[in-house]
Amino acid sequence: MTTLKTKRLILVRHGETAWNAEGRIQGMLDVPLNALGLQQATLVAEELARTVDVAEMVSSDLVRTRETATPIANATGFEPRFDARIRERHFGIWQGMTYEEWRIKDAEGMARYNAGEENYGPEGGETARQFLDRCVNAVSDLVIGSREKTLLLITHGGVVSSMVRHSNGLNPQSARTWSVPNASISEWRVEWADGAPIFYCDRVGDIAHLESATHALDEVDK
């Protein structure tokens, strides 16, 4: 088996939205950044311009990631392209509701979700296993196809957590021992083994660049 380090993979979670602040499930619904989220996007853009010289940038096509990608593109000169495969998890009929509303309307489903059942998914939505497989397949495909040493993805908390679980060999719905705040930076080293990318996580949910922006939410999978 031969192994060769080939890529730096950076995942940025989008800035805060009003629904993040309300604890409301966004999933694949389009919700724009709020004022704090726009400020966070500017701060993460400044950090990336300072620390990344050349990168290929791919963004989820939802509005909150597009609005996060815009100042990054302006600050770095990286021209984004958009890919629906790195959208947030589809939460089906519970999109637009708060987690408390979900619990009241479907206590059994919420209990199965909280218990970490990988084959449970809300009606009309993705199971944890389907979501993790989508994320890993999409990110792997983007890594394989990238022409640059660094691949920068503007995405969602659930996607970041899926890659954390994958790179650490965890269950798709395992309990989180990490956090992915809005506009945080997470990073992997990607090496190759027998033609397949292997992901080694170096940092998760880094928000040192947001010190001047208070109240960044410390929540994922929204």
N, C-alpha and C. Protein backbone atom coordinates (compact mmCIF):
# COMPACT_ATOMS: atom_id res chain seq x y z
N MET A 1 0.85 -1.19 0.00
CA MET A 1 0.00 0.00 0.00
C MET A 1 0.89 1.24 0.00
N THR A 2 0.62 2.15 -0.89
CA THR A 2 1.36 3.42 -0.94
C THR A 2 0.47 4.56 -0.49
N THR A 3 1.05 5.49 0.25
CA THR A 3 0.30 6.63 0.76
C THR A 3 1.05 7.91 0.41
N LEU A 4 0.33 8.90 -0.08
CA LEU A 4 0.93 10.17 -0.47
C LEU A 4 0.02 11.31 -0.05
N LYS A 5 0.55 12.24 0.77
CA LYS A 5 -0.25 13.39 1.16
C LYS A 5 -0.49 14.27 -0.07
N THR A 6 -1.74 14.61 -0.31
CA THR A 6 -2.03 15.36 -1.53
C THR A 6 -2.89 16.60 -1.32
N LYS A 7 -3.69 16.66 -0.26
CA LYS A 7 -4.66 17.75 -0.18
C LYS A 7 -4.77 18.34 1.22
N ARG A 8 -5.15 19.61 1.23
CA ARG A 8 -5.61 20.29 2.44
C ARG A 8 -7.08 20.58 2.22
N LEU A 9 -7.92 20.10 3.10
CA LEU A 9 -9.37 20.27 2.98
C LEU A 9 -9.87 21.18 4.09
N ILE A 10 -10.50 22.29 3.73
CA ILE A 10 -11.03 23.24 4.70
C ILE A 10 -12.54 23.34 4.51
N LEU A 11 -13.28 23.14 5.60
CA LEU A 11 -14.73 23.29 5.57
C LEU A 11 -15.11 24.48 6.46
N VAL A 12 -15.88 25.40 5.89
CA VAL A 12 -16.35 26.58 6.61
C VAL A 12 -17.87 26.47 6.76
N ARG A 13 -18.36 26.56 7.98
CA ARG A 13 -19.82 26.61 8.18
C ARG A 13 -20.30 28.03 7.89
N HIS A 14 -21.49 28.14 7.32
CA HIS A 14 -22.08 29.45 7.01
C HIS A 14 -22.26 30.29 8.26
N GLY A 15 -22.42 31.60 8.07
CA GLY A 15 -22.69 32.52 9.17
C GLY A 15 -24.09 32.31 9.74
N GLU A 16 -24.35 33.01 10.82
CA GLU A 16 -25.62 32.85 11.54
C GLU A 16 -26.81 33.37 10.75
N THR A 17 -27.94 32.68 10.90
CA THR A 17 -29.22 33.13 10.36
C THR A 17 -30.18 33.38 11.52
N ALA A 18 -31.29 34.04 11.23
CA ALA A 18 -32.30 34.26 12.26
C ALA A 18 -32.82 32.93 12.79
N TRP A 19 -32.93 31.94 11.92
CA TRP A 19 -33.43 30.63 12.36
C TRP A 19 -32.43 29.92 13.26
N ASN A 20 -31.13 30.09 13.02
CA ASN A 20 -30.14 29.57 13.97
C ASN A 20 -30.39 30.15 15.35
N ALA A 21 -30.58 31.46 15.40
CA ALA A 21 -30.77 32.14 16.68
C ALA A 21 -32.03 31.69 17.38
N GLU A 22 -33.05 31.27 16.61
CA GLU A 22 -34.33 30.83 17.17
C GLU A 22 -34.36 29.34 17.48
N GLY A 23 -33.32 28.61 17.10
CA GLY A 23 -33.34 27.16 17.27
C GLY A 23 -34.31 26.48 16.33
N ARG A 24 -34.46 27.04 15.14
CA ARG A 24 -35.42 26.53 14.16
C ARG A 24 -34.68 25.69 13.11
N ILE A 25 -35.27 24.58 12.72
CA ILE A 25 -34.64 23.63 11.81
C ILE A 25 -34.68 24.18 10.39
N GLN A 26 -33.52 24.37 9.80
CA GLN A 26 -33.44 24.90 8.44
C GLN A 26 -33.39 23.80 7.40
N GLY A 27 -32.53 22.79 7.61
CA GLY A 27 -32.40 21.74 6.63
C GLY A 27 -32.06 22.31 5.27
N MET A 28 -32.87 21.97 4.27
CA MET A 28 -32.63 22.45 2.92
C MET A 28 -33.45 23.68 2.56
N LEU A 29 -34.13 24.29 3.54
CA LEU A 29 -34.86 25.53 3.26
C LEU A 29 -33.88 26.69 3.15
N ASP A 30 -34.25 27.68 2.35
CA ASP A 30 -33.39 28.84 2.14
C ASP A 30 -33.69 29.93 3.15
N VAL A 31 -32.71 30.23 3.99
CA VAL A 31 -32.82 31.28 5.00
C VAL A 31 -31.56 32.14 4.90
N PRO A 32 -31.68 33.45 4.74
CA PRO A 32 -30.49 34.30 4.57
C PRO A 32 -29.77 34.54 5.88
N LEU A 33 -28.55 35.02 5.79
CA LEU A 33 -27.80 35.41 6.98
C LEU A 33 -28.44 36.61 7.65
N ASN A 34 -28.34 36.67 8.97
CA ASN A 34 -28.76 37.87 9.67
C ASN A 34 -27.57 38.84 9.77
N ALA A 35 -27.74 39.94 10.50
CA ALA A 35 -26.67 40.95 10.56
C ALA A 35 -25.39 40.38 11.15
N LEU A 36 -25.52 39.57 12.20
CA LEU A 36 -24.34 38.95 12.80
C LEU A 36 -23.69 37.98 11.81
N GLY A 37 -24.52 37.23 11.10
CA GLY A 37 -24.00 36.27 10.13
C GLY A 37 -23.21 36.95 9.03
N LEU A 38 -23.66 38.10 8.58
CA LEU A 38 -22.93 38.85 7.55
C LEU A 38 -21.58 39.33 8.10
N GLN A 39 -21.57 39.76 9.36
CA GLN A 39 -20.32 40.18 9.99
C GLN A 39 -19.37 38.98 10.12
N GLN A 40 -19.90 37.85 10.53
CA GLN A 40 -19.08 36.65 10.65
C GLN A 40 -18.48 36.24 9.31
N ALA A 41 -19.28 36.35 8.24
CA ALA A 41 -18.79 36.00 6.91
C ALA A 41 -17.61 36.89 6.50
N THR A 42 -17.68 38.16 6.86
CA THR A 42 -16.57 39.07 6.56
C THR A 42 -15.33 38.69 7.35
N LEU A 43 -15.51 38.31 8.62
CA LEU A 43 -14.37 37.94 9.45
C LEU A 43 -13.71 36.64 8.98
N VAL A 44 -14.51 35.66 8.61
CA VAL A 44 -13.91 34.41 8.13
C VAL A 44 -13.24 34.64 6.78
N ALA A 45 -13.79 35.54 5.98
CA ALA A 45 -13.15 35.88 4.70
C ALA A 45 -11.77 36.48 4.93
N GLU A 46 -11.66 37.39 5.89
CA GLU A 46 -10.37 38.01 6.20
C GLU A 46 -9.36 36.96 6.68
N GLU A 47 -9.83 36.01 7.47
CA GLU A 47 -8.95 34.95 7.97
C GLU A 47 -8.45 34.06 6.84
N LEU A 48 -9.33 33.69 5.95
CA LEU A 48 -8.93 32.83 4.83
C LEU A 48 -8.00 33.55 3.88
N ALA A 49 -8.24 34.84 3.67
CA ALA A 49 -7.35 35.62 2.80
C ALA A 49 -5.94 35.70 3.39
N ARG A 50 -5.87 35.67 4.70
CA ARG A 50 -4.58 35.74 5.39
C ARG A 50 -3.84 34.41 5.41
N THR A 51 -4.59 33.30 5.42
CA THR A 51 -3.97 31.99 5.68
C THR A 51 -3.96 31.03 4.50
N VAL A 52 -4.70 31.34 3.43
CA VAL A 52 -4.78 30.44 2.28
C VAL A 52 -4.40 31.22 1.02
N ASP A 53 -3.34 30.79 0.35
CA ASP A 53 -2.86 31.50 -0.83
C ASP A 53 -3.66 31.15 -2.08
N VAL A 54 -3.81 29.86 -2.33
CA VAL A 54 -4.49 29.38 -3.52
C VAL A 54 -5.41 28.23 -3.12
N ALA A 55 -6.64 28.26 -3.61
CA ALA A 55 -7.57 27.18 -3.30
C ALA A 55 -8.66 27.12 -4.35
N GLU A 56 -9.22 25.94 -4.50
CA GLU A 56 -10.47 25.78 -5.24
C GLU A 56 -11.60 25.91 -4.24
N MET A 57 -12.60 26.74 -4.53
CA MET A 57 -13.70 26.96 -3.60
C MET A 57 -15.01 26.43 -4.18
N VAL A 58 -15.69 25.60 -3.39
CA VAL A 58 -17.00 25.07 -3.76
C VAL A 58 -17.95 25.37 -2.60
N SER A 59 -19.13 25.86 -2.92
CA SER A 59 -20.12 26.23 -1.91
C SER A 59 -21.41 25.43 -2.11
N SER A 60 -22.05 25.11 -1.02
CA SER A 60 -23.45 24.67 -1.10
C SER A 60 -24.24 25.75 -1.84
N ASP A 61 -25.30 25.33 -2.51
CA ASP A 61 -26.05 26.30 -3.32
C ASP A 61 -27.17 26.99 -2.55
N LEU A 62 -27.30 26.74 -1.24
CA LEU A 62 -28.33 27.41 -0.45
C LEU A 62 -27.91 28.85 -0.16
N VAL A 63 -28.89 29.72 0.09
CA VAL A 63 -28.60 31.15 0.17
C VAL A 63 -27.65 31.49 1.31
N ARG A 64 -27.76 30.81 2.44
CA ARG A 64 -26.89 31.15 3.58
C ARG A 64 -25.43 30.83 3.31
N THR A 65 -25.17 29.80 2.50
CA THR A 65 -23.78 29.51 2.13
C THR A 65 -23.32 30.41 1.00
N ARG A 66 -24.20 30.73 0.08
CA ARG A 66 -23.85 31.68 -0.99
C ARG A 66 -23.46 33.03 -0.39
N GLU A 67 -24.23 33.49 0.60
CA GLU A 67 -23.94 34.78 1.21
C GLU A 67 -22.65 34.74 2.04
N THR A 68 -22.29 33.56 2.53
CA THR A 68 -21.01 33.42 3.23
C THR A 68 -19.86 33.37 2.23
N ALA A 69 -20.09 32.74 1.08
CA ALA A 69 -19.05 32.61 0.06
C ALA A 69 -18.70 33.94 -0.61
N THR A 70 -19.67 34.85 -0.69
CA THR A 70 -19.44 36.09 -1.43
C THR A 70 -18.29 36.93 -0.87
N PRO A 71 -18.26 37.25 0.44
CA PRO A 71 -17.11 38.02 0.93
C PRO A 71 -15.80 37.23 0.89
N ILE A 72 -15.89 35.91 0.96
CA ILE A 72 -14.68 35.10 0.84
C ILE A 72 -14.11 35.24 -0.56
N ALA A 73 -14.98 35.17 -1.56
CA ALA A 73 -14.53 35.35 -2.94
C ALA A 73 -13.94 36.74 -3.15
N ASN A 74 -14.58 37.76 -2.57
CA ASN A 74 -14.08 39.13 -2.72
C ASN A 74 -12.71 39.32 -2.07
N ALA A 75 -12.51 38.66 -0.92
CA ALA A 75 -11.26 38.84 -0.17
C ALA A 75 -10.11 38.02 -0.73
N THR A 76 -10.43 36.86 -1.29
CA THR A 76 -9.38 35.92 -1.72
C THR A 76 -9.18 35.87 -3.23
N GLY A 77 -10.21 36.23 -3.98
CA GLY A 77 -10.16 36.06 -5.43
C GLY A 77 -10.52 34.67 -5.88
N PHE A 78 -10.87 33.76 -4.95
CA PHE A 78 -11.28 32.41 -5.32
C PHE A 78 -12.70 32.48 -5.89
N GLU A 79 -12.88 31.99 -7.09
CA GLU A 79 -14.19 32.03 -7.73
C GLU A 79 -14.99 30.79 -7.32
N PRO A 80 -16.12 30.97 -6.63
CA PRO A 80 -16.84 29.80 -6.15
C PRO A 80 -17.66 29.14 -7.25
N ARG A 81 -17.81 27.84 -7.13
CA ARG A 81 -18.86 27.16 -7.87
C ARG A 81 -19.77 26.50 -6.85
N PHE A 82 -20.95 26.13 -7.26
CA PHE A 82 -21.97 25.71 -6.30
C PHE A 82 -22.39 24.27 -6.55
N ASP A 83 -22.58 23.54 -5.46
CA ASP A 83 -22.85 22.11 -5.54
C ASP A 83 -23.90 21.73 -4.51
N ALA A 84 -25.05 21.26 -4.98
CA ALA A 84 -26.16 20.90 -4.09
C ALA A 84 -25.84 19.68 -3.23
N ARG A 85 -24.82 18.93 -3.58
CA ARG A 85 -24.50 17.72 -2.83
C ARG A 85 -23.96 18.01 -1.43
N ILE A 86 -23.50 19.25 -1.20
CA ILE A 86 -23.00 19.58 0.15
C ILE A 86 -23.97 20.50 0.89
N ARG A 87 -25.26 20.33 0.57
CA ARG A 87 -26.31 20.98 1.35
C ARG A 87 -26.44 20.32 2.73
N GLU A 88 -27.17 21.01 3.62
CA GLU A 88 -27.50 20.46 4.92
C GLU A 88 -28.43 19.25 4.78
N ARG A 89 -28.57 18.50 5.82
CA ARG A 89 -29.47 17.34 5.84
C ARG A 89 -30.91 17.79 5.61
N HIS A 90 -31.65 16.99 4.86
CA HIS A 90 -33.08 17.26 4.64
C HIS A 90 -33.85 16.69 5.83
N PHE A 91 -34.53 17.58 6.56
CA PHE A 91 -35.29 17.17 7.74
C PHE A 91 -36.78 16.99 7.45
N GLY A 92 -37.14 16.86 6.19
CA GLY A 92 -38.51 16.52 5.83
C GLY A 92 -39.55 17.47 6.40
N ILE A 93 -40.59 16.88 6.98
CA ILE A 93 -41.73 17.67 7.45
C ILE A 93 -41.40 18.58 8.62
N TRP A 94 -40.23 18.39 9.25
CA TRP A 94 -39.90 19.21 10.42
C TRP A 94 -39.09 20.45 10.05
N GLN A 95 -38.75 20.63 8.79
CA GLN A 95 -38.06 21.84 8.39
C GLN A 95 -38.97 23.05 8.61
N GLY A 96 -38.43 24.06 9.23
CA GLY A 96 -39.18 25.27 9.56
C GLY A 96 -39.72 25.28 10.97
N MET A 97 -39.67 24.12 11.66
CA MET A 97 -40.13 24.04 13.04
C MET A 97 -38.94 24.09 13.99
N THR A 98 -39.22 24.39 15.25
CA THR A 98 -38.18 24.30 16.27
C THR A 98 -38.09 22.85 16.74
N TYR A 99 -36.98 22.52 17.39
CA TYR A 99 -36.85 21.17 17.93
C TYR A 99 -37.92 20.89 18.99
N GLU A 100 -38.31 21.89 19.74
CA GLU A 100 -39.36 21.71 20.74
C GLU A 100 -40.69 21.40 20.07
N GLU A 101 -40.99 22.07 18.97
CA GLU A 101 -42.22 21.78 18.23
C GLU A 101 -42.20 20.36 17.67
N TRP A 102 -41.04 19.94 17.20
CA TRP A 102 -40.90 18.56 16.72
C TRP A 102 -41.18 17.58 17.86
N ARG A 103 -40.59 17.84 19.04
CA ARG A 103 -40.77 16.95 20.18
C ARG A 103 -42.24 16.84 20.57
N ILE A 104 -42.95 17.95 20.55
CA ILE A 104 -44.36 17.95 20.94
C ILE A 104 -45.21 17.19 19.92
N LYS A 105 -44.91 17.36 18.65
CA LYS A 105 -45.72 16.74 17.60
C LYS A 105 -45.36 15.28 17.35
N ASP A 106 -44.12 14.90 17.64
CA ASP A 106 -43.67 13.55 17.33
C ASP A 106 -42.60 13.14 18.34
N ALA A 107 -43.03 12.85 19.56
CA ALA A 107 -42.08 12.51 20.62
C ALA A 107 -41.32 11.24 20.29
N GLU A 108 -41.98 10.28 19.65
CA GLU A 108 -41.31 9.02 19.31
C GLU A 108 -40.19 9.26 18.28
N GLY A 109 -40.50 10.04 17.25
CA GLY A 109 -39.48 10.34 16.25
C GLY A 109 -38.32 11.11 16.83
N MET A 110 -38.60 12.08 17.69
CA MET A 110 -37.54 12.84 18.33
C MET A 110 -36.67 11.94 19.19
N ALA A 111 -37.31 10.99 19.91
CA ALA A 111 -36.56 10.06 20.75
C ALA A 111 -35.64 9.18 19.90
N ARG A 112 -36.13 8.74 18.74
CA ARG A 112 -35.31 7.91 17.85
C ARG A 112 -34.16 8.73 17.28
N TYR A 113 -34.43 9.98 16.97
CA TYR A 113 -33.38 10.88 16.48
C TYR A 113 -32.32 11.08 17.56
N ASN A 114 -32.75 11.38 18.78
CA ASN A 114 -31.82 11.62 19.88
C ASN A 114 -31.06 10.36 20.28
N ALA A 115 -31.69 9.19 20.06
CA ALA A 115 -31.04 7.92 20.41
C ALA A 115 -29.95 7.53 19.42
N GLY A 116 -29.89 8.25 18.31
CA GLY A 116 -28.83 8.00 17.34
C GLY A 116 -29.11 6.88 16.37
N GLU A 117 -30.40 6.63 16.07
CA GLU A 117 -30.74 5.58 15.12
C GLU A 117 -30.31 6.01 13.71
N GLU A 118 -29.34 5.31 13.15
CA GLU A 118 -28.79 5.75 11.87
C GLU A 118 -29.75 5.55 10.71
N ASN A 119 -30.74 4.68 10.86
CA ASN A 119 -31.69 4.44 9.77
C ASN A 119 -33.03 5.15 9.99
N TYR A 120 -33.06 6.06 10.98
CA TYR A 120 -34.26 6.88 11.19
C TYR A 120 -34.12 8.20 10.45
N GLY A 121 -35.21 8.61 9.82
CA GLY A 121 -35.26 9.93 9.20
C GLY A 121 -36.67 10.47 9.28
N PRO A 122 -36.83 11.79 9.45
CA PRO A 122 -38.17 12.38 9.46
C PRO A 122 -38.88 12.12 8.14
N GLU A 123 -40.20 12.09 8.20
CA GLU A 123 -40.99 11.86 6.98
C GLU A 123 -40.59 12.87 5.90
N GLY A 124 -40.24 12.36 4.73
CA GLY A 124 -39.83 13.21 3.62
C GLY A 124 -38.38 13.65 3.67
N GLY A 125 -37.65 13.21 4.68
CA GLY A 125 -36.26 13.64 4.84
C GLY A 125 -35.28 12.49 4.73
N GLU A 126 -34.02 12.77 5.06
CA GLU A 126 -32.95 11.80 4.98
C GLU A 126 -32.72 11.11 6.32
N THR A 127 -32.36 9.84 6.27
CA THR A 127 -31.87 9.18 7.47
C THR A 127 -30.45 9.66 7.76
N ALA A 128 -29.99 9.38 8.98
CA ALA A 128 -28.61 9.76 9.33
C ALA A 128 -27.62 9.05 8.42
N ARG A 129 -27.87 7.78 8.10
CA ARG A 129 -26.97 7.03 7.22
C ARG A 129 -26.98 7.61 5.81
N GLN A 130 -28.15 7.92 5.29
CA GLN A 130 -28.22 8.51 3.95
C GLN A 130 -27.48 9.84 3.88
N PHE A 131 -27.64 10.65 4.92
CA PHE A 131 -27.00 11.96 4.95
C PHE A 131 -25.49 11.83 5.02
N LEU A 132 -24.99 10.97 5.93
CA LEU A 132 -23.54 10.81 6.04
C LEU A 132 -22.96 10.28 4.74
N ASP A 133 -23.61 9.29 4.13
CA ASP A 133 -23.10 8.74 2.88
C ASP A 133 -23.07 9.81 1.78
N ARG A 134 -24.12 10.64 1.72
CA ARG A 134 -24.14 11.71 0.72
C ARG A 134 -22.97 12.67 0.93
N CYS A 135 -22.75 13.07 2.18
CA CYS A 135 -21.67 14.01 2.48
C CYS A 135 -20.30 13.43 2.14
N VAL A 136 -20.05 12.22 2.60
CA VAL A 136 -18.74 11.60 2.38
C VAL A 136 -18.50 11.38 0.90
N ASN A 137 -19.51 10.89 0.18
CA ASN A 137 -19.34 10.66 -1.25
C ASN A 137 -19.09 11.97 -2.00
N ALA A 138 -19.83 13.02 -1.62
CA ALA A 138 -19.67 14.31 -2.30
C ALA A 138 -18.31 14.91 -2.03
N VAL A 139 -17.90 14.93 -0.76
CA VAL A 139 -16.61 15.53 -0.41
C VAL A 139 -15.47 14.73 -1.03
N SER A 140 -15.58 13.40 -0.99
CA SER A 140 -14.54 12.57 -1.60
C SER A 140 -14.44 12.84 -3.10
N ASP A 141 -15.57 12.96 -3.75
CA ASP A 141 -15.58 13.23 -5.18
C ASP A 141 -14.95 14.59 -5.48
N LEU A 142 -15.26 15.60 -4.66
CA LEU A 142 -14.68 16.92 -4.87
C LEU A 142 -13.18 16.93 -4.62
N VAL A 143 -12.73 16.18 -3.61
CA VAL A 143 -11.30 16.07 -3.34
C VAL A 143 -10.58 15.41 -4.51
N ILE A 144 -11.14 14.32 -4.99
CA ILE A 144 -10.53 13.58 -6.10
C ILE A 144 -10.44 14.46 -7.35
N GLY A 145 -11.46 15.27 -7.60
CA GLY A 145 -11.50 16.08 -8.80
C GLY A 145 -10.81 17.42 -8.71
N SER A 146 -10.40 17.82 -7.51
CA SER A 146 -9.81 19.15 -7.34
C SER A 146 -8.41 19.22 -7.96
N ARG A 147 -8.15 20.34 -8.62
CA ARG A 147 -6.85 20.54 -9.25
C ARG A 147 -5.88 21.30 -8.36
N GLU A 148 -6.37 21.83 -7.24
CA GLU A 148 -5.52 22.62 -6.35
C GLU A 148 -5.09 21.81 -5.13
N LYS A 149 -4.03 22.25 -4.50
CA LYS A 149 -3.53 21.61 -3.28
C LYS A 149 -4.52 21.76 -2.14
N THR A 150 -5.25 22.90 -2.12
CA THR A 150 -6.23 23.18 -1.07
C THR A 150 -7.62 23.24 -1.67
N LEU A 151 -8.55 22.54 -1.03
CA LEU A 151 -9.95 22.57 -1.41
C LEU A 151 -10.73 23.22 -0.27
N LEU A 152 -11.47 24.27 -0.58
CA LEU A 152 -12.23 25.04 0.40
C LEU A 152 -13.72 24.85 0.13
N LEU A 153 -14.44 24.32 1.11
CA LEU A 153 -15.87 24.09 0.97
C LEU A 153 -16.63 24.99 1.93
N ILE A 154 -17.63 25.72 1.40
CA ILE A 154 -18.51 26.55 2.24
C ILE A 154 -19.80 25.77 2.40
N THR A 155 -20.07 25.33 3.62
CA THR A 155 -21.12 24.33 3.78
C THR A 155 -21.87 24.52 5.10
N HIS A 156 -22.31 23.42 5.70
CA HIS A 156 -23.24 23.45 6.82
C HIS A 156 -22.70 22.63 7.99
N GLY A 157 -23.25 22.89 9.17
CA GLY A 157 -22.79 22.19 10.37
C GLY A 157 -22.94 20.69 10.27
N GLY A 158 -24.04 20.23 9.69
CA GLY A 158 -24.24 18.80 9.56
C GLY A 158 -23.24 18.14 8.64
N VAL A 159 -22.84 18.83 7.60
CA VAL A 159 -21.83 18.29 6.68
C VAL A 159 -20.49 18.18 7.39
N VAL A 160 -20.12 19.22 8.12
CA VAL A 160 -18.87 19.19 8.89
C VAL A 160 -18.89 18.02 9.87
N SER A 161 -19.99 17.88 10.61
CA SER A 161 -20.07 16.80 11.59
C SER A 161 -20.04 15.43 10.92
N SER A 162 -20.62 15.31 9.74
CA SER A 162 -20.56 14.04 9.02
C SER A 162 -19.12 13.67 8.69
N MET A 163 -18.32 14.66 8.28
CA MET A 163 -16.93 14.38 7.97
C MET A 163 -16.12 14.08 9.23
N VAL A 164 -16.47 14.72 10.35
CA VAL A 164 -15.82 14.37 11.62
C VAL A 164 -16.12 12.92 11.97
N ARG A 165 -17.38 12.53 11.86
CA ARG A 165 -17.75 11.15 12.18
C ARG A 165 -17.05 10.16 11.24
N HIS A 166 -17.04 10.48 9.96
CA HIS A 166 -16.40 9.58 9.00
C HIS A 166 -14.91 9.43 9.28
N SER A 167 -14.23 10.52 9.49
CA SER A 167 -12.77 10.45 9.67
C SER A 167 -12.38 9.82 11.00
N ASN A 168 -13.32 9.75 11.94
CA ASN A 168 -13.05 9.12 13.24
C ASN A 168 -13.74 7.77 13.39
N GLY A 169 -14.36 7.28 12.32
CA GLY A 169 -14.98 5.96 12.36
C GLY A 169 -16.18 5.86 13.28
N LEU A 170 -16.96 6.95 13.38
CA LEU A 170 -18.09 6.99 14.30
C LEU A 170 -19.40 6.68 13.59
N ASN A 171 -20.40 6.29 14.38
CA ASN A 171 -21.75 6.05 13.87
C ASN A 171 -22.31 7.33 13.26
N PRO A 172 -23.14 7.22 12.19
CA PRO A 172 -23.67 8.43 11.53
C PRO A 172 -24.44 9.37 12.45
N GLN A 173 -25.00 8.86 13.55
CA GLN A 173 -25.77 9.72 14.45
C GLN A 173 -25.18 9.67 15.85
N SER A 174 -23.86 9.43 15.95
CA SER A 174 -23.21 9.34 17.25
C SER A 174 -23.28 10.68 17.97
N ALA A 175 -23.24 10.61 19.30
CA ALA A 175 -23.27 11.82 20.11
C ALA A 175 -22.07 12.69 19.79
N ARG A 176 -22.28 14.01 19.71
CA ARG A 176 -21.21 14.93 19.38
C ARG A 176 -20.36 15.25 20.61
N THR A 177 -19.06 15.16 20.44
CA THR A 177 -18.12 15.61 21.46
C THR A 177 -17.36 16.83 20.94
N TRP A 178 -17.86 17.44 19.88
CA TRP A 178 -17.26 18.60 19.25
C TRP A 178 -18.36 19.61 18.96
N SER A 179 -18.01 20.82 18.59
CA SER A 179 -19.00 21.82 18.21
C SER A 179 -18.56 22.46 16.90
N VAL A 180 -19.55 22.93 16.15
CA VAL A 180 -19.28 23.58 14.86
C VAL A 180 -20.06 24.89 14.83
N PRO A 181 -19.55 25.94 15.46
CA PRO A 181 -20.27 27.22 15.49
C PRO A 181 -20.39 27.83 14.10
N ASN A 182 -21.31 28.77 13.98
CA ASN A 182 -21.45 29.50 12.71
C ASN A 182 -20.13 30.17 12.34
N ALA A 183 -19.78 30.10 11.04
CA ALA A 183 -18.58 30.72 10.48
C ALA A 183 -17.29 30.16 11.06
N SER A 184 -17.35 28.95 11.60
CA SER A 184 -16.14 28.30 12.10
C SER A 184 -15.39 27.62 10.96
N ILE A 185 -14.12 27.34 11.21
CA ILE A 185 -13.25 26.68 10.24
C ILE A 185 -12.86 25.31 10.78
N SER A 186 -13.03 24.28 9.94
CA SER A 186 -12.59 22.93 10.27
C SER A 186 -11.65 22.47 9.16
N GLU A 187 -10.70 21.61 9.52
CA GLU A 187 -9.65 21.28 8.53
C GLU A 187 -9.22 19.83 8.63
N TRP A 188 -8.97 19.25 7.45
CA TRP A 188 -8.47 17.87 7.33
C TRP A 188 -7.23 17.83 6.46
N ARG A 189 -6.36 16.88 6.76
CA ARG A 189 -5.31 16.46 5.83
C ARG A 189 -5.87 15.27 5.06
N VAL A 190 -5.70 15.28 3.76
CA VAL A 190 -6.21 14.18 2.95
C VAL A 190 -5.03 13.45 2.32
N GLU A 191 -4.91 12.17 2.63
CA GLU A 191 -3.88 11.33 2.05
C GLU A 191 -4.54 10.26 1.20
N TRP A 192 -3.75 9.60 0.39
CA TRP A 192 -4.27 8.59 -0.51
C TRP A 192 -3.76 7.21 -0.11
N ALA A 193 -4.65 6.24 -0.10
CA ALA A 193 -4.27 4.86 0.16
C ALA A 193 -4.99 3.98 -0.86
N ASP A 194 -4.21 3.32 -1.72
CA ASP A 194 -4.77 2.46 -2.76
C ASP A 194 -5.81 3.19 -3.60
N GLY A 195 -5.52 4.45 -3.92
CA GLY A 195 -6.38 5.22 -4.80
C GLY A 195 -7.57 5.88 -4.16
N ALA A 196 -7.75 5.72 -2.84
CA ALA A 196 -8.90 6.30 -2.15
C ALA A 196 -8.43 7.37 -1.16
N PRO A 197 -9.20 8.46 -1.02
CA PRO A 197 -8.81 9.50 -0.06
C PRO A 197 -9.08 9.07 1.38
N ILE A 198 -8.11 9.33 2.24
CA ILE A 198 -8.23 9.08 3.67
C ILE A 198 -8.17 10.43 4.38
N PHE A 199 -9.15 10.69 5.26
CA PHE A 199 -9.29 12.01 5.89
C PHE A 199 -8.78 11.97 7.33
N TYR A 200 -7.87 12.91 7.65
CA TYR A 200 -7.34 13.05 9.00
C TYR A 200 -7.70 14.44 9.51
N CYS A 201 -8.51 14.48 10.56
CA CYS A 201 -9.03 15.76 11.04
C CYS A 201 -8.00 16.46 11.92
N ASP A 202 -7.66 17.71 11.56
CA ASP A 202 -6.69 18.50 12.32
C ASP A 202 -7.35 19.50 13.27
N ARG A 203 -8.51 20.03 12.91
CA ARG A 203 -9.21 20.96 13.80
C ARG A 203 -10.69 21.00 13.41
N VAL A 204 -11.53 21.26 14.41
CA VAL A 204 -12.97 21.33 14.18
C VAL A 204 -13.52 22.55 14.90
N GLY A 205 -14.33 23.32 14.20
CA GLY A 205 -15.07 24.42 14.83
C GLY A 205 -14.21 25.55 15.36
N ASP A 206 -13.11 25.85 14.68
CA ASP A 206 -12.21 26.92 15.12
C ASP A 206 -12.86 28.28 14.87
N ILE A 207 -13.01 29.09 15.94
CA ILE A 207 -13.62 30.43 15.80
C ILE A 207 -12.70 31.52 16.37
N ALA A 208 -11.40 31.28 16.38
CA ALA A 208 -10.47 32.30 16.88
C ALA A 208 -10.60 33.60 16.10
N HIS A 209 -10.95 33.49 14.83
CA HIS A 209 -11.08 34.68 13.97
C HIS A 209 -12.35 35.47 14.25
N LEU A 210 -13.23 34.95 15.11
CA LEU A 210 -14.50 35.63 15.40
C LEU A 210 -14.49 36.33 16.75
N GLU A 211 -13.33 36.56 17.30
CA GLU A 211 -13.26 37.15 18.64
C GLU A 211 -13.99 38.48 18.74
N SER A 212 -14.05 39.22 17.66
CA SER A 212 -14.73 40.53 17.70
C SER A 212 -16.22 40.42 17.42
N ALA A 213 -16.68 39.21 17.09
CA ALA A 213 -18.12 39.00 16.83
C ALA A 213 -18.68 38.11 17.92
N THR A 214 -19.37 38.70 18.87
CA THR A 214 -19.90 37.95 20.00
C THR A 214 -21.18 37.23 19.62
N HIS A 215 -21.59 36.32 20.48
CA HIS A 215 -22.84 35.59 20.36
C HIS A 215 -22.87 34.61 19.17
N ALA A 216 -21.70 34.18 18.69
CA ALA A 216 -21.71 33.14 17.65
C ALA A 216 -22.31 31.89 18.25
N LEU A 217 -23.32 31.32 17.60
CA LEU A 217 -23.99 30.16 18.15
C LEU A 217 -23.09 28.93 18.09
N ASP A 218 -23.15 28.13 19.13
CA ASP A 218 -22.35 26.91 19.20
C ASP A 218 -23.27 25.72 18.96
N GLU A 219 -23.89 25.67 17.77
CA GLU A 219 -24.82 24.61 17.44
C GLU A 219 -24.50 24.04 16.08
N VAL A 220 -24.87 22.76 15.90
CA VAL A 220 -24.64 22.10 14.62
C VAL A 220 -25.92 21.41 14.18
N ASP A 221 -25.86 20.86 12.97
CA ASP A 221 -26.97 20.06 12.44
C ASP A 221 -28.28 20.84 12.41
N LYS A 222 -28.21 22.13 12.02
CA LYS A 222 -29.41 22.96 11.90
C LYS A 222 -29.69 23.20 10.44
